[in-house]
């Protein structure tokens, strides 16, 4: 699906093309990247791929205006969540317009923003920009903000580093200057198998996994009583066991059990505190008993992914800019994670502001209001005004 050289598309037309690419995180996104590359080249904008190690996925970075550092980057992820198990009333990968709503997987999260940014390219090219506007499109955000990390590592090296970053996650075009940070761990418990009639000869991995889960539940209750920030819903850090698998047969003492838990941490909470406490509990309350019967028994706790909580600086330049561009005077906090914290850690202050409602993200019949696309285009047009000054 190529883009005609130099042809301008409306954001809705571009969204239809982007939605048509099934960029579920388990698949590659190279078709979409090639389309965007071709579209940008048609408007005289060079871009660079940052390819994954296996060559199956790629981020894309482009600069409009002065080929230099500074300016603002518009950040969006190209991947979407699966539609498996969901009941859609139409093809998830064919954009459908009805009643002022645009239905399709990724329409809200977050191809609506990418389409809007691409639709603004011809206008940006026609302007005499004094500050660059960068496009930073990543992959695998949905499974832990994976693809953006190699791209961020190139900022200030092979890629011009933006002065500020606007992450276009769906915020209904409200300015978000803080979000929680998702951190995920996997716990593997190894016991010793035995016939269930001779249970005293074995070490039940499921039993000890439940002890660890009980400790996590105690920590969860404590977190509810700790730092309360009413800007978030819920107003505290959350901790949940999200997956568990153990045992081999009903008449065998389970030799293994694995579970996964995650925390959505408020800005300021150190996830190391959670991990340290669980390790201490394992070492003092579980392993000594396990080793009395099975010296080979073990508990492994591995952090498998972490996205930092995001909190903009009190006098953040990019937050002030976003408020000016939206005409708002209030910022918000959200409970979902984004790439903003990663950009900020790399020295590129960020803000989150984009079209669509997060309530529609990941759902069957995901949709974005056409009015939200229009608001985003107005926002991007005013950004162009700012970049000309």
Protein backbone atom coordinates (compact mmCIF):
# COMPACT_ATOMS: atom_id res chain seq x y z
CA UNK A 1 0.00 0.00 0.00
CA UNK A 2 2.11 2.87 -1.29
CA UNK A 3 1.57 6.59 -0.93
CA UNK A 4 1.33 8.69 -4.09
CA UNK A 5 4.34 10.97 -4.43
CA UNK A 6 3.64 14.38 -2.93
CA UNK A 7 -0.06 13.67 -2.46
CA UNK A 8 -1.78 15.18 0.53
CA UNK A 9 -4.27 13.09 2.48
CA UNK A 10 -6.77 14.05 5.12
CA UNK A 11 -6.06 12.62 8.57
CA UNK A 12 -9.05 10.29 8.19
CA UNK A 13 -7.72 8.98 4.88
CA UNK A 14 -4.34 8.39 6.47
CA UNK A 15 -5.95 6.72 9.46
CA UNK A 16 -7.75 4.32 7.13
CA UNK A 17 -4.43 3.36 5.59
CA UNK A 18 -2.71 2.94 8.96
CA UNK A 19 -5.52 0.85 10.44
CA UNK A 20 -5.36 -1.46 7.41
CA UNK A 21 -1.92 -2.62 8.54
CA UNK A 22 -2.30 -5.34 11.18
CA UNK A 23 0.51 -4.23 13.47
CA UNK A 24 -0.46 -6.38 16.44
CA UNK A 25 2.63 -6.57 18.65
CA UNK A 26 3.14 -10.26 17.84
CA UNK A 27 3.52 -9.36 14.14
CA UNK A 28 5.89 -7.11 12.23
CA UNK A 29 5.18 -3.46 11.43
CA UNK A 30 7.41 -3.13 8.37
CA UNK A 31 4.54 -2.63 5.92
CA UNK A 32 3.29 0.37 7.86
CA UNK A 33 6.83 1.76 8.23
CA UNK A 34 7.40 1.44 4.46
CA UNK A 35 4.14 3.28 3.79
CA UNK A 36 5.10 6.14 6.13
CA UNK A 37 8.60 6.26 4.66
CA UNK A 38 7.16 6.52 1.16
CA UNK A 39 4.66 9.17 2.22
CA UNK A 40 7.33 11.30 3.87
CA UNK A 41 9.72 10.92 0.94
CA UNK A 42 6.96 12.10 -1.36
CA UNK A 43 6.94 15.34 0.58
CA UNK A 44 10.71 15.67 0.58
CA UNK A 45 11.18 14.45 4.15
CA UNK A 46 13.99 11.99 4.77
CA UNK A 47 13.54 9.41 7.50
CA UNK A 48 15.66 6.81 9.20
CA UNK A 49 14.75 3.33 10.38
CA UNK A 50 15.94 1.95 13.70
CA UNK A 51 15.49 -1.78 13.10
CA UNK A 52 14.99 -4.43 15.77
CA UNK A 53 17.68 -7.05 16.33
CA UNK A 54 15.68 -9.70 14.46
CA UNK A 55 14.92 -7.35 11.57
CA UNK A 56 11.17 -7.89 11.89
CA UNK A 57 10.24 -4.48 13.27
CA UNK A 58 11.39 -0.92 13.03
CA UNK A 59 10.99 2.51 14.51
CA UNK A 60 11.12 5.54 12.23
CA UNK A 61 12.56 8.98 12.90
CA UNK A 62 12.21 12.02 10.65
CA UNK A 63 12.89 15.75 10.91
CA UNK A 64 10.97 18.56 9.24
CA UNK A 65 12.53 22.00 9.19
CA UNK A 66 16.10 22.71 10.31
CA UNK A 67 18.11 19.49 10.29
CA UNK A 68 19.32 20.09 13.78
CA UNK A 69 18.70 19.30 17.40
CA UNK A 70 16.08 21.13 19.41
CA UNK A 71 12.46 21.64 18.54
CA UNK A 72 9.69 19.20 19.36
CA UNK A 73 9.29 15.49 18.64
CA UNK A 74 5.85 13.99 18.07
CA UNK A 75 6.01 10.48 19.48
CA UNK A 76 3.62 7.66 18.69
CA UNK A 77 3.70 3.85 18.71
CA UNK A 78 2.71 1.88 15.64
CA UNK A 79 1.76 -1.39 17.34
CA UNK A 80 -1.71 -2.37 18.52
CA UNK A 81 -3.13 -4.97 20.90
CA UNK A 82 -4.70 -8.21 19.61
CA UNK A 83 -8.34 -8.56 18.60
CA UNK A 84 -8.39 -12.26 19.55
CA UNK A 85 -11.38 -13.20 21.68
CA UNK A 86 -13.18 -9.92 20.99
CA UNK A 87 -16.47 -9.62 19.13
CA UNK A 88 -16.32 -6.84 16.54
CA UNK A 89 -19.28 -5.68 14.46
CA UNK A 90 -16.98 -5.02 11.50
CA UNK A 91 -13.48 -5.86 10.29
CA UNK A 92 -11.07 -4.46 12.93
CA UNK A 93 -8.54 -3.58 10.22
CA UNK A 94 -10.92 -1.70 7.94
CA UNK A 95 -11.75 1.80 9.17
CA UNK A 96 -15.49 2.32 9.48
CA UNK A 97 -17.14 5.72 9.89
CA UNK A 98 -20.48 5.95 11.61
CA UNK A 99 -22.15 8.70 13.61
CA UNK A 100 -19.03 10.84 13.88
CA UNK A 101 -16.96 7.89 15.13
CA UNK A 102 -14.13 6.11 13.35
CA UNK A 103 -13.98 2.42 14.22
CA UNK A 104 -10.88 0.25 13.85
CA UNK A 105 -8.11 -1.36 15.86
CA UNK A 106 -5.64 1.34 16.84
CA UNK A 107 -7.91 4.22 15.85
CA UNK A 108 -7.66 5.67 19.36
CA UNK A 109 -4.49 3.94 20.56
CA UNK A 110 -2.75 5.50 18.78
CA UNK A 111 -2.89 5.62 15.01
CA UNK A 112 -5.25 8.58 15.19
CA UNK A 113 -2.37 10.70 16.47
CA UNK A 114 0.11 9.32 13.93
CA UNK A 115 -2.36 9.99 11.11
CA UNK A 116 -2.82 13.55 12.31
CA UNK A 117 0.94 14.13 12.53
CA UNK A 118 1.42 12.79 9.01
CA UNK A 119 -1.46 14.90 7.69
CA UNK A 120 0.29 17.99 9.08
CA UNK A 121 3.51 17.27 7.17
CA UNK A 122 2.61 19.18 3.96
CA UNK A 123 1.72 22.24 6.01
CA UNK A 124 4.95 22.00 7.99
CA UNK A 125 6.95 21.66 4.78
CA UNK A 126 5.31 24.78 3.35
CA UNK A 127 6.22 26.82 6.43
CA UNK A 128 9.55 28.46 7.17
CA UNK A 129 10.21 26.55 10.35
CA UNK A 130 12.88 27.97 12.62
CA UNK A 131 12.57 25.07 15.04
CA UNK A 132 12.51 21.46 13.83
CA UNK A 133 9.51 19.20 14.24
CA UNK A 134 10.58 15.58 14.57
CA UNK A 135 8.47 12.46 14.07
CA UNK A 136 9.33 9.53 16.34
CA UNK A 137 7.29 6.42 15.57
CA UNK A 138 8.09 3.29 17.59
CA UNK A 139 7.06 -0.36 17.94
CA UNK A 140 6.15 -2.74 20.77
CA UNK A 141 4.95 -0.06 23.17
CA UNK A 142 2.06 -2.31 24.15
CA UNK A 143 4.38 -4.98 25.53
CA UNK A 144 6.65 -2.73 27.55
CA UNK A 145 7.80 0.32 25.52
CA UNK A 146 10.43 -1.90 23.91
CA UNK A 147 10.93 -0.37 20.48
CA UNK A 148 11.35 3.22 21.58
CA UNK A 149 14.41 2.44 23.70
CA UNK A 150 16.90 1.82 20.85
CA UNK A 151 15.60 4.97 19.14
CA UNK A 152 16.05 7.04 22.29
CA UNK A 153 19.59 5.66 22.60
CA UNK A 154 20.41 7.25 19.23
CA UNK A 155 19.16 10.73 20.18
CA UNK A 156 22.05 13.17 20.22
CA UNK A 157 24.19 10.65 18.29
CA UNK A 158 22.91 9.58 14.88
CA UNK A 159 19.52 11.22 15.43
CA UNK A 160 18.95 14.89 16.31
CA UNK A 161 17.83 15.17 19.92
CA UNK A 162 14.59 17.09 20.42
CA UNK A 163 14.37 19.79 23.02
CA UNK A 164 10.91 18.54 23.99
CA UNK A 165 8.62 15.59 23.25
CA UNK A 166 4.85 15.39 22.88
CA UNK A 167 3.61 11.81 23.30
CA UNK A 168 0.27 11.56 21.53
CA UNK A 169 -1.44 8.87 23.61
CA UNK A 170 -5.23 9.28 23.84
CA UNK A 171 -5.92 11.94 26.48
CA UNK A 172 -8.96 13.55 24.80
CA UNK A 173 -6.50 16.34 23.94
CA UNK A 174 -6.04 17.18 27.61
CA UNK A 175 -2.56 17.89 28.90
CA UNK A 176 -1.16 15.04 31.02
CA UNK A 177 2.00 15.77 33.00
CA UNK A 178 2.15 12.63 35.17
CA UNK A 179 1.43 8.93 34.90
CA UNK A 180 2.06 5.74 36.80
CA UNK A 181 4.90 3.40 35.89
CA UNK A 182 4.17 -0.27 35.12
CA UNK A 183 6.80 -2.71 36.38
CA UNK A 184 6.46 -6.47 35.84
CA UNK A 185 8.15 -9.43 37.53
CA UNK A 186 8.13 -13.19 36.96
CA UNK A 187 8.57 -15.54 39.89
CA UNK A 188 9.63 -19.15 39.33
CA UNK A 189 9.29 -21.53 42.27
CA UNK A 190 11.09 -24.87 42.06
CA UNK A 191 10.20 -27.60 44.53
CA UNK A 192 10.51 -31.38 44.46
CA UNK A 193 8.04 -33.78 42.90
CA UNK A 194 6.63 -36.73 44.84
CA UNK A 195 3.57 -38.96 44.75
CA UNK A 196 0.75 -37.09 46.41
CA UNK A 197 0.30 -40.00 48.85
CA UNK A 198 3.87 -39.37 50.02
CA UNK A 199 3.64 -35.60 50.16
CA UNK A 200 6.17 -35.33 52.99
CA UNK A 201 8.90 -36.38 50.54
CA UNK A 202 8.19 -33.50 48.21
CA UNK A 203 8.21 -29.71 48.24
CA UNK A 204 4.99 -28.23 46.91
CA UNK A 205 5.92 -25.35 44.62
CA UNK A 206 2.31 -24.18 44.41
CA UNK A 207 2.06 -23.92 48.19
CA UNK A 208 5.15 -21.75 48.42
CA UNK A 209 4.01 -19.66 45.47
CA UNK A 210 0.80 -18.92 47.36
CA UNK A 211 2.84 -17.84 50.39
CA UNK A 212 4.70 -15.36 48.20
CA UNK A 213 1.43 -14.18 46.70
CA UNK A 214 0.08 -13.69 50.22
CA UNK A 215 3.02 -11.40 50.97
CA UNK A 216 2.30 -9.47 47.78
CA UNK A 217 -1.32 -9.11 48.88
CA UNK A 218 -0.17 -7.62 52.19
CA UNK A 219 2.01 -5.15 50.28
CA UNK A 220 -0.93 -4.31 48.04
CA UNK A 221 -3.08 -3.41 51.04
CA UNK A 222 -0.28 -1.27 52.48
CA UNK A 223 0.11 0.60 49.18
CA UNK A 224 -3.55 1.58 49.33
CA UNK A 225 -2.85 3.36 52.62
CA UNK A 226 0.34 5.09 51.60
CA UNK A 227 0.85 7.88 49.09
CA UNK A 228 -2.52 9.09 47.89
CA UNK A 229 -2.67 11.29 44.80
CA UNK A 230 -6.22 12.23 43.87
CA UNK A 231 -5.15 13.11 40.33
CA UNK A 232 -4.98 9.37 39.60
CA UNK A 233 -7.71 6.75 39.43
CA UNK A 234 -7.23 4.85 41.66
CA UNK A 235 -5.26 7.38 43.76
CA UNK A 236 -2.62 4.88 44.96
CA UNK A 237 -0.05 2.49 43.49
CA UNK A 238 -1.63 -0.84 42.55
CA UNK A 239 -0.12 -4.33 42.75
CA UNK A 240 -1.67 -7.40 41.12
CA UNK A 241 -0.80 -11.02 40.40
CA UNK A 242 -1.85 -11.32 36.76
CA UNK A 243 -0.89 -14.87 35.73
CA UNK A 244 -0.12 -18.19 37.44
CA UNK A 245 0.73 -21.68 36.23
CA UNK A 246 1.78 -24.67 38.31
CA UNK A 247 1.63 -28.41 38.77
CA UNK A 248 1.68 -31.33 36.32
CA UNK A 249 -0.97 -33.82 37.52
CA UNK A 250 -3.50 -34.21 40.30
CA UNK A 251 -1.52 -37.01 41.98
CA UNK A 252 1.91 -35.36 41.90
CA UNK A 253 3.28 -32.87 44.41
CA UNK A 254 3.95 -29.84 42.14
CA UNK A 255 7.61 -29.40 41.30
CA UNK A 256 7.14 -26.04 39.65
CA UNK A 257 4.97 -22.94 39.78
CA UNK A 258 5.36 -19.67 37.92
CA UNK A 259 3.45 -16.48 38.43
CA UNK A 260 3.66 -12.92 37.15
CA UNK A 261 2.84 -9.77 39.05
CA UNK A 262 3.02 -6.12 38.25
CA UNK A 263 2.80 -2.78 39.95
CA UNK A 264 1.49 0.50 38.61
CA UNK A 265 3.65 2.84 40.61
CA UNK A 266 2.86 6.44 41.39
CA UNK A 267 5.68 8.88 40.62
CA UNK A 268 8.06 8.75 43.57
CA UNK A 269 7.52 5.10 44.48
CA UNK A 270 10.66 2.97 44.16
CA UNK A 271 9.81 -0.47 42.67
CA UNK A 272 13.04 -1.82 44.18
CA UNK A 273 11.32 -1.60 47.56
CA UNK A 274 8.70 -4.14 46.46
CA UNK A 275 11.24 -6.52 44.97
CA UNK A 276 13.59 -6.30 47.97
CA UNK A 277 10.81 -7.11 50.41
CA UNK A 278 9.60 -10.11 48.39
CA UNK A 279 13.15 -11.46 48.11
CA UNK A 280 13.61 -11.09 51.87
CA UNK A 281 10.35 -12.95 52.50
CA UNK A 282 11.45 -15.74 50.14
CA UNK A 283 14.86 -16.06 51.79
CA UNK A 284 13.62 -16.02 55.38
CA UNK A 285 10.13 -17.56 55.28
CA UNK A 286 10.19 -19.98 52.37
CA UNK A 287 13.60 -21.24 51.28
CA UNK A 288 14.80 -22.52 54.69
CA UNK A 289 11.78 -24.86 54.93
CA UNK A 290 12.11 -25.91 51.31
CA UNK A 291 15.81 -26.72 51.70
CA UNK A 292 15.19 -28.98 54.68
CA UNK A 293 13.64 -31.47 52.25
CA UNK A 294 15.06 -30.43 48.90
CA UNK A 295 18.41 -28.60 48.80
CA UNK A 296 17.85 -28.04 45.08
CA UNK A 297 14.64 -26.07 45.70
CA UNK A 298 14.78 -22.49 44.53
CA UNK A 299 12.84 -19.25 44.11
CA UNK A 300 13.80 -16.94 41.27
CA UNK A 301 12.43 -13.42 41.04
CA UNK A 302 13.13 -11.65 37.77
CA UNK A 303 12.09 -8.17 36.70
CA UNK A 304 11.01 -8.65 33.10
CA UNK A 305 10.02 -5.12 32.17
CA UNK A 306 9.86 -1.65 33.66
CA UNK A 307 8.45 1.60 32.35
CA UNK A 308 9.34 4.51 34.63
CA UNK A 309 6.64 6.61 36.25
CA UNK A 310 6.38 10.01 34.63
CA UNK A 311 6.20 13.34 36.38
CA UNK A 312 7.03 16.52 34.51
CA UNK A 313 9.18 19.15 36.16
CA UNK A 314 7.23 21.81 37.98
CA UNK A 315 8.16 24.50 35.46
CA UNK A 316 8.32 22.23 32.41
CA UNK A 317 8.69 24.12 29.16
CA UNK A 318 6.85 21.47 27.15
CA UNK A 319 3.93 21.36 29.58
CA UNK A 320 3.63 25.14 29.29
CA UNK A 321 3.74 24.82 25.50
CA UNK A 322 1.05 22.13 25.44
CA UNK A 323 -1.21 24.20 27.69
CA UNK A 324 -0.76 27.16 25.37
CA UNK A 325 -1.48 25.11 22.24
CA UNK A 326 -4.62 23.58 23.76
CA UNK A 327 -5.82 26.78 25.41
CA UNK A 328 -6.04 24.99 28.76
CA UNK A 329 -4.81 25.95 32.20
CA UNK A 330 -5.00 22.60 34.01
CA UNK A 331 -3.00 19.38 33.76
CA UNK A 332 -3.98 15.82 34.62
CA UNK A 333 -2.48 12.54 35.80
CA UNK A 334 -3.33 9.12 34.32
CA UNK A 335 -2.88 5.56 35.53
CA UNK A 336 -1.66 4.02 32.28
CA UNK A 337 1.97 4.11 31.18
CA UNK A 338 3.56 5.78 28.16
CA UNK A 339 6.96 6.42 26.63
CA UNK A 340 7.11 9.88 28.23
CA UNK A 341 9.18 8.82 31.23
CA UNK A 342 11.79 7.18 29.00
CA UNK A 343 12.20 10.34 26.92
CA UNK A 344 12.41 12.42 30.07
CA UNK A 345 15.10 10.16 31.57
CA UNK A 346 17.08 10.67 28.35
CA UNK A 347 17.02 14.44 28.80
CA UNK A 348 14.11 15.27 26.51
CA UNK A 349 11.32 16.68 28.73
CA UNK A 350 7.95 15.24 27.74
CA UNK A 351 4.22 15.75 27.99
CA UNK A 352 1.33 13.49 27.00
CA UNK A 353 -1.43 14.92 24.83
CA UNK A 354 -3.30 13.25 22.01
CA UNK A 355 -6.70 12.57 20.45
CA UNK A 356 -9.13 9.89 21.58
CA UNK A 357 -10.34 8.47 24.87
CA UNK A 358 -8.26 5.86 26.69
CA UNK A 359 -11.54 4.15 27.63
CA UNK A 360 -11.83 3.04 23.99
CA UNK A 361 -8.31 1.64 23.80
CA UNK A 362 -7.94 -2.17 23.62
CA UNK A 363 -11.71 -2.69 23.35
CA UNK A 364 -13.84 -4.39 20.74
CA UNK A 365 -15.12 -1.82 18.23
CA UNK A 366 -12.39 0.60 19.30
CA UNK A 367 -13.20 4.07 18.01
CA UNK A 368 -12.08 7.67 17.95
CA UNK A 369 -14.36 10.67 17.48
CA UNK A 370 -13.80 12.65 14.30
CA UNK A 371 -14.03 15.77 16.47
CA UNK A 372 -10.94 14.58 18.35
CA UNK A 373 -9.00 14.30 15.10
CA UNK A 374 -10.07 17.86 14.25
CA UNK A 375 -8.89 19.10 17.66
CA UNK A 376 -5.56 17.39 17.18
CA UNK A 377 -5.10 18.99 13.76
CA UNK A 378 -5.78 22.42 15.28
CA UNK A 379 -3.20 21.65 17.98
CA UNK A 380 -0.62 20.61 15.39
CA UNK A 381 -1.33 23.69 13.29
CA UNK A 382 -0.65 25.91 16.28
CA UNK A 383 2.53 23.92 16.90
CA UNK A 384 3.57 24.87 13.39
CA UNK A 385 2.97 28.52 14.23
CA UNK A 386 5.20 28.15 17.28
CA UNK A 387 7.95 26.45 15.26
CA UNK A 388 8.03 29.39 12.85
CA UNK A 389 8.89 31.89 15.59
